[in-house]
Amino acid sequence: MVLLMRDCIALRRNPEDGEQREGAAEGLSTPLWPELFGALVWILIAATRVPLPLLQGWVMFVSVTACFLSILFLGVFLFSYTHRIAVDWNQMDFLFHAATFVFYFGAFLLQAATTSLHNYRLPSNVTTLLSDQDYNISIAASIFAFATTICYGCSTALALRRWKL
């Protein structure tokens, strides 16, 4: 999302020559997909009975934090705070997306591990850890966590290309 907004700003300053130039729309491949998929992960996990609060609590923390920080980062670009705050925004863009990618990859692994415990039976009870409905929702949350991880990975690659080239 930040890549899209960074590239779609109508006029940008080129730091090398100081002249105005048209903004390119090269970030259109991932406009709002990470936030949309992350919100779906958040909603799907909140819709289930959470059998392992430690694992799924981390997934919820990552998805909620990434969503809010992405919206905050978007606001920085929308309201042109990038011209008022003197930092290397290409580097900040890369660091943000790289950190979010790493955290979301871990969250995806934890969500997939929780999903894999569908047939695990509790020792004191004959019921399974996840009901069939919770299992299906957990599968969907795992798929969307993976999709979000891929989106943040692509955003990281694009931000690295922009920062280093």
N, C-alpha and C. Protein backbone atom coordinates (compact mmCIF):
# COMPACT_ATOMS: atom_id res chain seq x y z
N MET A 1 0.82 -1.16 0.00
CA MET A 1 0.00 0.00 0.00
C MET A 1 0.88 1.24 0.00
N VAL A 2 1.90 1.24 0.82
CA VAL A 2 2.77 2.40 0.89
C VAL A 2 3.50 2.58 -0.43
N LEU A 3 3.87 1.46 -1.05
CA LEU A 3 4.53 1.55 -2.34
C LEU A 3 3.63 2.21 -3.37
N LEU A 4 2.36 1.85 -3.35
CA LEU A 4 1.41 2.44 -4.29
C LEU A 4 1.29 3.93 -4.05
N MET A 5 1.11 4.33 -2.79
CA MET A 5 0.93 5.74 -2.51
C MET A 5 2.22 6.52 -2.79
N ARG A 6 3.35 5.91 -2.49
CA ARG A 6 4.62 6.59 -2.74
C ARG A 6 4.82 6.84 -4.22
N ASP A 7 4.40 5.89 -5.05
CA ASP A 7 4.60 6.02 -6.48
C ASP A 7 3.50 6.81 -7.18
N CYS A 8 2.34 6.87 -6.59
CA CYS A 8 1.22 7.54 -7.25
C CYS A 8 1.06 9.00 -6.85
N ILE A 9 1.96 9.50 -6.05
CA ILE A 9 1.92 10.93 -5.73
C ILE A 9 2.17 11.69 -7.03
N ALA A 10 1.34 12.65 -7.30
CA ALA A 10 1.39 13.33 -8.60
C ALA A 10 2.76 13.93 -8.90
N LEU A 11 3.32 14.64 -7.98
CA LEU A 11 4.63 15.25 -8.20
C LEU A 11 5.54 14.87 -7.05
N ARG A 12 6.73 14.41 -7.39
CA ARG A 12 7.71 14.06 -6.37
C ARG A 12 9.00 14.82 -6.62
N ARG A 13 9.75 15.02 -5.58
CA ARG A 13 11.05 15.65 -5.71
C ARG A 13 12.08 14.57 -5.97
N ASN A 14 12.91 14.78 -6.94
CA ASN A 14 14.02 13.89 -7.22
C ASN A 14 15.22 14.40 -6.44
N PRO A 15 15.74 13.62 -5.45
CA PRO A 15 16.79 14.16 -4.60
C PRO A 15 18.11 14.43 -5.33
N GLU A 16 18.35 13.76 -6.45
CA GLU A 16 19.61 13.95 -7.15
C GLU A 16 19.68 15.31 -7.85
N ASP A 17 18.64 15.66 -8.58
CA ASP A 17 18.70 16.89 -9.34
C ASP A 17 17.74 17.97 -8.83
N GLY A 18 16.92 17.67 -7.83
CA GLY A 18 16.06 18.67 -7.21
C GLY A 18 14.90 19.12 -8.06
N GLU A 19 14.63 18.49 -9.18
CA GLU A 19 13.53 18.94 -10.03
C GLU A 19 12.29 18.09 -9.79
N GLN A 20 11.15 18.64 -10.15
CA GLN A 20 9.89 17.92 -10.02
C GLN A 20 9.75 16.94 -11.17
N ARG A 21 9.15 15.79 -10.85
CA ARG A 21 8.87 14.82 -11.93
C ARG A 21 7.57 14.11 -11.63
N GLU A 22 7.00 13.55 -12.66
CA GLU A 22 5.75 12.80 -12.51
C GLU A 22 6.01 11.52 -11.72
N GLY A 23 5.07 11.14 -10.86
CA GLY A 23 5.21 9.91 -10.10
C GLY A 23 4.80 8.72 -10.95
N ALA A 24 5.58 7.67 -10.92
CA ALA A 24 5.28 6.46 -11.66
C ALA A 24 4.35 5.59 -10.84
N ALA A 25 3.59 4.76 -11.50
CA ALA A 25 2.65 3.87 -10.82
C ALA A 25 3.15 2.44 -10.86
N GLU A 26 4.39 2.22 -10.39
CA GLU A 26 4.95 0.87 -10.45
C GLU A 26 4.50 0.02 -9.28
N GLY A 27 3.92 0.59 -8.24
CA GLY A 27 3.48 -0.18 -7.09
C GLY A 27 2.06 -0.69 -7.19
N LEU A 28 1.46 -0.64 -8.37
CA LEU A 28 0.07 -1.04 -8.51
C LEU A 28 -0.17 -2.53 -8.33
N SER A 29 0.87 -3.33 -8.28
CA SER A 29 0.67 -4.76 -8.13
C SER A 29 0.17 -5.11 -6.73
N THR A 30 0.46 -4.30 -5.72
CA THR A 30 0.00 -4.58 -4.36
C THR A 30 -0.63 -3.35 -3.73
N PRO A 31 -1.75 -2.86 -4.25
CA PRO A 31 -2.29 -1.62 -3.71
C PRO A 31 -2.74 -1.73 -2.25
N LEU A 32 -3.70 -2.53 -1.95
CA LEU A 32 -4.19 -2.68 -0.58
C LEU A 32 -4.31 -4.14 -0.18
N TRP A 33 -3.70 -5.01 -0.93
CA TRP A 33 -3.84 -6.45 -0.64
C TRP A 33 -3.30 -6.85 0.72
N PRO A 34 -2.13 -6.39 1.14
CA PRO A 34 -1.65 -6.81 2.47
C PRO A 34 -2.61 -6.41 3.59
N GLU A 35 -3.16 -5.22 3.53
CA GLU A 35 -4.07 -4.78 4.58
C GLU A 35 -5.39 -5.55 4.52
N LEU A 36 -5.89 -5.80 3.32
CA LEU A 36 -7.13 -6.54 3.18
C LEU A 36 -6.97 -7.98 3.68
N PHE A 37 -5.92 -8.65 3.25
CA PHE A 37 -5.69 -10.03 3.69
C PHE A 37 -5.39 -10.07 5.19
N GLY A 38 -4.62 -9.10 5.69
CA GLY A 38 -4.33 -9.05 7.12
C GLY A 38 -5.59 -8.84 7.95
N ALA A 39 -6.48 -8.00 7.47
CA ALA A 39 -7.75 -7.79 8.17
C ALA A 39 -8.59 -9.07 8.16
N LEU A 40 -8.54 -9.82 7.06
CA LEU A 40 -9.26 -11.09 7.02
C LEU A 40 -8.68 -12.10 8.00
N VAL A 41 -7.37 -12.13 8.15
CA VAL A 41 -6.75 -13.00 9.15
C VAL A 41 -7.24 -12.62 10.54
N TRP A 42 -7.23 -11.35 10.80
CA TRP A 42 -7.68 -10.81 12.08
C TRP A 42 -9.14 -11.22 12.35
N ILE A 43 -10.01 -11.03 11.38
CA ILE A 43 -11.43 -11.35 11.54
C ILE A 43 -11.65 -12.84 11.69
N LEU A 44 -10.96 -13.65 10.89
CA LEU A 44 -11.16 -15.09 10.95
C LEU A 44 -10.70 -15.68 12.28
N ILE A 45 -9.59 -15.22 12.79
CA ILE A 45 -9.13 -15.74 14.08
C ILE A 45 -10.06 -15.28 15.20
N ALA A 46 -10.54 -14.05 15.11
CA ALA A 46 -11.46 -13.55 16.13
C ALA A 46 -12.80 -14.28 16.09
N ALA A 47 -13.14 -14.91 14.96
CA ALA A 47 -14.42 -15.60 14.81
C ALA A 47 -14.39 -17.03 15.34
N THR A 48 -13.23 -17.51 15.79
CA THR A 48 -13.13 -18.89 16.26
C THR A 48 -12.94 -18.92 17.77
N ARG A 49 -13.14 -20.11 18.30
CA ARG A 49 -12.76 -20.36 19.69
C ARG A 49 -11.26 -20.57 19.66
N VAL A 50 -10.52 -19.78 20.37
CA VAL A 50 -9.06 -19.82 20.30
C VAL A 50 -8.56 -20.91 21.24
N PRO A 51 -8.10 -22.04 20.67
CA PRO A 51 -7.68 -23.14 21.53
C PRO A 51 -6.29 -22.94 22.13
N LEU A 52 -5.43 -22.24 21.42
CA LEU A 52 -4.07 -21.99 21.89
C LEU A 52 -3.82 -20.49 21.91
N PRO A 53 -4.14 -19.83 23.03
CA PRO A 53 -4.04 -18.36 23.06
C PRO A 53 -2.63 -17.83 22.80
N LEU A 54 -1.62 -18.57 23.19
CA LEU A 54 -0.26 -18.09 22.99
C LEU A 54 0.08 -18.01 21.50
N LEU A 55 -0.28 -19.04 20.75
CA LEU A 55 0.02 -19.04 19.31
C LEU A 55 -0.85 -18.05 18.55
N GLN A 56 -2.14 -18.17 18.72
CA GLN A 56 -3.04 -17.31 17.95
C GLN A 56 -3.07 -15.88 18.48
N GLY A 57 -2.68 -15.67 19.71
CA GLY A 57 -2.55 -14.31 20.22
C GLY A 57 -1.44 -13.56 19.50
N TRP A 58 -0.34 -14.26 19.20
CA TRP A 58 0.74 -13.62 18.45
C TRP A 58 0.29 -13.31 17.02
N VAL A 59 -0.46 -14.21 16.41
CA VAL A 59 -0.96 -13.97 15.06
C VAL A 59 -1.88 -12.75 15.05
N MET A 60 -2.75 -12.64 16.05
CA MET A 60 -3.63 -11.48 16.15
C MET A 60 -2.82 -10.20 16.36
N PHE A 61 -1.83 -10.25 17.23
CA PHE A 61 -1.00 -9.08 17.49
C PHE A 61 -0.31 -8.61 16.21
N VAL A 62 0.27 -9.54 15.47
CA VAL A 62 0.98 -9.19 14.23
C VAL A 62 0.00 -8.60 13.21
N SER A 63 -1.15 -9.24 13.02
CA SER A 63 -2.07 -8.76 12.00
C SER A 63 -2.66 -7.39 12.36
N VAL A 64 -3.02 -7.18 13.61
CA VAL A 64 -3.58 -5.89 14.02
C VAL A 64 -2.52 -4.79 13.95
N THR A 65 -1.33 -5.08 14.47
CA THR A 65 -0.25 -4.09 14.46
C THR A 65 0.16 -3.73 13.04
N ALA A 66 0.30 -4.73 12.17
CA ALA A 66 0.69 -4.46 10.78
C ALA A 66 -0.37 -3.63 10.07
N CYS A 67 -1.62 -3.93 10.31
CA CYS A 67 -2.71 -3.18 9.68
C CYS A 67 -2.68 -1.71 10.13
N PHE A 68 -2.58 -1.48 11.43
CA PHE A 68 -2.57 -0.10 11.92
C PHE A 68 -1.32 0.66 11.51
N LEU A 69 -0.16 0.02 11.54
CA LEU A 69 1.06 0.71 11.13
C LEU A 69 1.06 1.00 9.63
N SER A 70 0.47 0.11 8.84
CA SER A 70 0.37 0.38 7.41
C SER A 70 -0.54 1.57 7.14
N ILE A 71 -1.63 1.66 7.87
CA ILE A 71 -2.53 2.80 7.70
C ILE A 71 -1.84 4.08 8.16
N LEU A 72 -1.08 4.01 9.25
CA LEU A 72 -0.32 5.17 9.70
C LEU A 72 0.73 5.59 8.67
N PHE A 73 1.43 4.61 8.11
CA PHE A 73 2.43 4.88 7.08
C PHE A 73 1.78 5.49 5.84
N LEU A 74 0.61 5.00 5.49
CA LEU A 74 -0.15 5.57 4.37
C LEU A 74 -0.51 7.02 4.66
N GLY A 75 -0.93 7.31 5.89
CA GLY A 75 -1.27 8.68 6.25
C GLY A 75 -0.09 9.62 6.12
N VAL A 76 1.10 9.13 6.45
CA VAL A 76 2.30 9.95 6.31
C VAL A 76 2.49 10.37 4.86
N PHE A 77 2.25 9.45 3.94
CA PHE A 77 2.41 9.78 2.53
C PHE A 77 1.24 10.60 1.99
N LEU A 78 0.03 10.29 2.43
CA LEU A 78 -1.13 11.03 1.94
C LEU A 78 -1.11 12.50 2.35
N PHE A 79 -0.69 12.77 3.58
CA PHE A 79 -0.71 14.14 4.08
C PHE A 79 0.63 14.84 3.91
N SER A 80 1.51 14.28 3.09
CA SER A 80 2.78 14.88 2.70
C SER A 80 3.71 15.18 3.87
N TYR A 81 3.66 14.36 4.89
CA TYR A 81 4.63 14.51 5.97
C TYR A 81 6.02 14.09 5.55
N THR A 82 6.12 13.43 4.42
CA THR A 82 7.43 13.01 3.92
C THR A 82 8.30 14.21 3.56
N HIS A 83 7.67 15.34 3.23
CA HIS A 83 8.42 16.55 2.90
C HIS A 83 8.84 17.31 4.16
N ARG A 84 8.15 17.05 5.27
CA ARG A 84 8.44 17.77 6.52
C ARG A 84 9.42 17.02 7.41
N ILE A 85 9.45 15.70 7.30
CA ILE A 85 10.31 14.89 8.15
C ILE A 85 11.51 14.46 7.31
N ALA A 86 12.70 14.81 7.76
CA ALA A 86 13.92 14.58 6.99
C ALA A 86 14.52 13.21 7.31
N VAL A 87 13.98 12.18 6.67
CA VAL A 87 14.56 10.83 6.74
C VAL A 87 14.57 10.26 5.33
N ASP A 88 15.31 9.20 5.14
CA ASP A 88 15.32 8.51 3.86
C ASP A 88 14.08 7.61 3.80
N TRP A 89 13.04 8.08 3.11
CA TRP A 89 11.77 7.36 3.10
C TRP A 89 11.84 6.07 2.33
N ASN A 90 12.73 5.98 1.36
CA ASN A 90 12.89 4.70 0.65
C ASN A 90 13.46 3.65 1.59
N GLN A 91 14.40 4.05 2.43
CA GLN A 91 14.97 3.12 3.40
C GLN A 91 13.91 2.75 4.45
N MET A 92 13.15 3.73 4.92
CA MET A 92 12.09 3.46 5.90
C MET A 92 11.04 2.52 5.33
N ASP A 93 10.69 2.72 4.06
CA ASP A 93 9.74 1.86 3.39
C ASP A 93 10.25 0.42 3.35
N PHE A 94 11.52 0.27 2.99
CA PHE A 94 12.11 -1.07 2.95
C PHE A 94 12.16 -1.71 4.34
N LEU A 95 12.61 -0.97 5.34
CA LEU A 95 12.72 -1.52 6.68
C LEU A 95 11.36 -1.91 7.25
N PHE A 96 10.35 -1.09 7.01
CA PHE A 96 9.01 -1.40 7.49
C PHE A 96 8.48 -2.68 6.86
N HIS A 97 8.58 -2.77 5.53
CA HIS A 97 8.04 -3.95 4.86
C HIS A 97 8.85 -5.21 5.16
N ALA A 98 10.17 -5.07 5.32
CA ALA A 98 11.00 -6.23 5.65
C ALA A 98 10.66 -6.75 7.04
N ALA A 99 10.52 -5.86 8.02
CA ALA A 99 10.16 -6.29 9.37
C ALA A 99 8.77 -6.92 9.40
N THR A 100 7.84 -6.31 8.70
CA THR A 100 6.49 -6.85 8.65
C THR A 100 6.46 -8.21 7.97
N PHE A 101 7.26 -8.37 6.92
CA PHE A 101 7.36 -9.66 6.24
C PHE A 101 7.86 -10.75 7.20
N VAL A 102 8.90 -10.44 7.96
CA VAL A 102 9.45 -11.43 8.90
C VAL A 102 8.43 -11.79 9.97
N PHE A 103 7.77 -10.79 10.54
CA PHE A 103 6.77 -11.07 11.57
C PHE A 103 5.58 -11.83 11.01
N TYR A 104 5.13 -11.48 9.80
CA TYR A 104 3.99 -12.18 9.22
C TYR A 104 4.36 -13.61 8.83
N PHE A 105 5.61 -13.84 8.44
CA PHE A 105 6.02 -15.21 8.13
C PHE A 105 5.94 -16.07 9.39
N GLY A 106 6.40 -15.53 10.51
CA GLY A 106 6.28 -16.26 11.77
C GLY A 106 4.83 -16.47 12.17
N ALA A 107 4.00 -15.46 11.96
CA ALA A 107 2.58 -15.59 12.28
C ALA A 107 1.92 -16.65 11.41
N PHE A 108 2.29 -16.70 10.13
CA PHE A 108 1.75 -17.73 9.25
C PHE A 108 2.13 -19.13 9.74
N LEU A 109 3.40 -19.29 10.14
CA LEU A 109 3.83 -20.61 10.63
C LEU A 109 3.07 -21.01 11.90
N LEU A 110 2.85 -20.07 12.80
CA LEU A 110 2.10 -20.38 14.02
C LEU A 110 0.65 -20.70 13.72
N GLN A 111 0.05 -19.98 12.78
CA GLN A 111 -1.34 -20.25 12.41
C GLN A 111 -1.45 -21.62 11.73
N ALA A 112 -0.49 -21.95 10.88
CA ALA A 112 -0.50 -23.27 10.24
C ALA A 112 -0.29 -24.38 11.27
N ALA A 113 0.55 -24.13 12.26
CA ALA A 113 0.76 -25.13 13.32
C ALA A 113 -0.52 -25.34 14.13
N THR A 114 -1.24 -24.27 14.41
CA THR A 114 -2.51 -24.39 15.12
C THR A 114 -3.52 -25.18 14.29
N THR A 115 -3.54 -24.93 13.00
CA THR A 115 -4.46 -25.64 12.11
C THR A 115 -4.13 -27.12 12.05
N SER A 116 -2.86 -27.46 12.11
CA SER A 116 -2.47 -28.86 12.00
C SER A 116 -2.88 -29.69 13.21
N LEU A 117 -3.30 -29.06 14.28
CA LEU A 117 -3.70 -29.77 15.49
C LEU A 117 -5.18 -30.16 15.48
N HIS A 118 -5.78 -30.23 14.32
CA HIS A 118 -7.21 -30.51 14.22
C HIS A 118 -7.57 -31.86 14.83
N ASN A 119 -6.83 -32.87 14.56
CA ASN A 119 -7.16 -34.21 15.04
C ASN A 119 -6.54 -34.54 16.39
N TYR A 120 -5.83 -33.59 16.99
CA TYR A 120 -5.22 -33.82 18.29
C TYR A 120 -6.31 -33.91 19.35
N ARG A 121 -6.30 -34.99 20.09
CA ARG A 121 -7.30 -35.18 21.15
C ARG A 121 -6.67 -34.82 22.49
N LEU A 122 -7.44 -34.09 23.27
CA LEU A 122 -6.97 -33.72 24.59
C LEU A 122 -6.93 -34.96 25.49
N PRO A 123 -5.93 -35.13 26.35
CA PRO A 123 -5.82 -36.34 27.17
C PRO A 123 -6.99 -36.53 28.14
N SER A 124 -7.50 -35.45 28.67
CA SER A 124 -8.57 -35.58 29.66
C SER A 124 -9.97 -35.60 29.03
N ASN A 125 -10.04 -35.48 27.73
CA ASN A 125 -11.33 -35.35 27.08
C ASN A 125 -11.29 -36.12 25.76
N VAL A 126 -12.43 -36.51 25.27
CA VAL A 126 -12.47 -37.23 24.00
C VAL A 126 -12.71 -36.29 22.83
N THR A 127 -12.85 -34.99 23.10
CA THR A 127 -13.08 -34.03 22.02
C THR A 127 -11.75 -33.61 21.41
N THR A 128 -11.82 -33.14 20.20
CA THR A 128 -10.61 -32.65 19.53
C THR A 128 -10.35 -31.20 19.93
N LEU A 129 -9.16 -30.75 19.64
CA LEU A 129 -8.76 -29.39 20.00
C LEU A 129 -9.54 -28.34 19.20
N LEU A 130 -9.75 -28.63 17.91
CA LEU A 130 -10.52 -27.73 17.04
C LEU A 130 -11.76 -28.46 16.54
N SER A 131 -12.89 -27.79 16.62
CA SER A 131 -14.09 -28.36 16.01
C SER A 131 -13.97 -28.27 14.49
N ASP A 132 -14.87 -28.91 13.78
CA ASP A 132 -14.80 -28.87 12.32
C ASP A 132 -14.96 -27.45 11.78
N GLN A 133 -15.87 -26.69 12.37
CA GLN A 133 -16.07 -25.32 11.92
C GLN A 133 -14.83 -24.47 12.22
N ASP A 134 -14.28 -24.61 13.42
CA ASP A 134 -13.06 -23.87 13.77
C ASP A 134 -11.89 -24.29 12.88
N TYR A 135 -11.85 -25.56 12.53
CA TYR A 135 -10.79 -26.07 11.64
C TYR A 135 -10.89 -25.41 10.26
N ASN A 136 -12.10 -25.33 9.72
CA ASN A 136 -12.28 -24.71 8.40
C ASN A 136 -11.92 -23.22 8.43
N ILE A 137 -12.32 -22.54 9.48
CA ILE A 137 -11.97 -21.12 9.61
C ILE A 137 -10.47 -20.96 9.79
N SER A 138 -9.86 -21.87 10.52
CA SER A 138 -8.41 -21.81 10.74
C SER A 138 -7.64 -22.05 9.44
N ILE A 139 -8.18 -22.92 8.59
CA ILE A 139 -7.56 -23.13 7.26
C ILE A 139 -7.61 -21.83 6.46
N ALA A 140 -8.76 -21.19 6.45
CA ALA A 140 -8.90 -19.92 5.72
C ALA A 140 -7.95 -18.87 6.28
N ALA A 141 -7.83 -18.80 7.61
CA ALA A 141 -6.91 -17.83 8.22
C ALA A 141 -5.47 -18.14 7.83
N SER A 142 -5.11 -19.43 7.75
CA SER A 142 -3.76 -19.80 7.34
C SER A 142 -3.49 -19.40 5.89
N ILE A 143 -4.46 -19.60 5.03
CA ILE A 143 -4.30 -19.23 3.62
C ILE A 143 -4.13 -17.72 3.48
N PHE A 144 -4.95 -16.96 4.19
CA PHE A 144 -4.85 -15.51 4.10
C PHE A 144 -3.58 -14.99 4.77
N ALA A 145 -3.11 -15.66 5.82
CA ALA A 145 -1.83 -15.27 6.43
C ALA A 145 -0.69 -15.52 5.45
N PHE A 146 -0.76 -16.62 4.70
CA PHE A 146 0.25 -16.89 3.69
C PHE A 146 0.19 -15.84 2.57
N ALA A 147 -1.02 -15.51 2.12
CA ALA A 147 -1.17 -14.50 1.07
C ALA A 147 -0.65 -13.14 1.54
N THR A 148 -0.90 -12.80 2.79
CA THR A 148 -0.39 -11.54 3.34
C THR A 148 1.12 -11.55 3.39
N THR A 149 1.70 -12.69 3.78
CA THR A 149 3.15 -12.82 3.81
C THR A 149 3.75 -12.62 2.43
N ILE A 150 3.14 -13.21 1.42
CA ILE A 150 3.61 -13.05 0.04
C ILE A 150 3.51 -11.59 -0.40
N CYS A 151 2.41 -10.93 -0.07
CA CYS A 151 2.24 -9.52 -0.44
C CYS A 151 3.31 -8.64 0.21
N TYR A 152 3.56 -8.86 1.50
CA TYR A 152 4.60 -8.07 2.17
C TYR A 152 5.98 -8.43 1.63
N GLY A 153 6.19 -9.67 1.21
CA GLY A 153 7.46 -10.05 0.59
C GLY A 153 7.67 -9.33 -0.73
N CYS A 154 6.62 -9.25 -1.53
CA CYS A 154 6.71 -8.51 -2.81
C CYS A 154 6.94 -7.02 -2.56
N SER A 155 6.26 -6.48 -1.57
CA SER A 155 6.45 -5.07 -1.23
C SER A 155 7.88 -4.81 -0.75
N THR A 156 8.44 -5.78 -0.02
CA THR A 156 9.82 -5.65 0.43
C THR A 156 10.78 -5.64 -0.75
N ALA A 157 10.55 -6.54 -1.71
CA ALA A 157 11.41 -6.60 -2.89
C ALA A 157 11.33 -5.31 -3.71
N LEU A 158 10.12 -4.78 -3.87
CA LEU A 158 9.96 -3.52 -4.61
C LEU A 158 10.60 -2.35 -3.86
N ALA A 159 10.47 -2.34 -2.54
CA ALA A 159 11.08 -1.27 -1.76
C ALA A 159 12.60 -1.35 -1.81
N LEU A 160 13.14 -2.56 -1.79
CA LEU A 160 14.60 -2.72 -1.89
C LEU A 160 15.08 -2.23 -3.25
N ARG A 161 14.35 -2.58 -4.29
CA ARG A 161 14.72 -2.13 -5.64
C ARG A 161 14.71 -0.61 -5.72
N ARG A 162 13.71 0.00 -5.12
CA ARG A 162 13.59 1.46 -5.17
C ARG A 162 14.70 2.11 -4.33
N TRP A 163 15.01 1.51 -3.19
CA TRP A 163 15.99 2.10 -2.28
C TRP A 163 17.40 1.99 -2.84
N LYS A 164 17.76 0.85 -3.38
CA LYS A 164 19.12 0.62 -3.83
C LYS A 164 19.37 1.00 -5.29
N LEU A 165 18.35 1.17 -6.09
CA LEU A 165 18.57 1.51 -7.49
C LEU A 165 18.26 2.95 -7.80
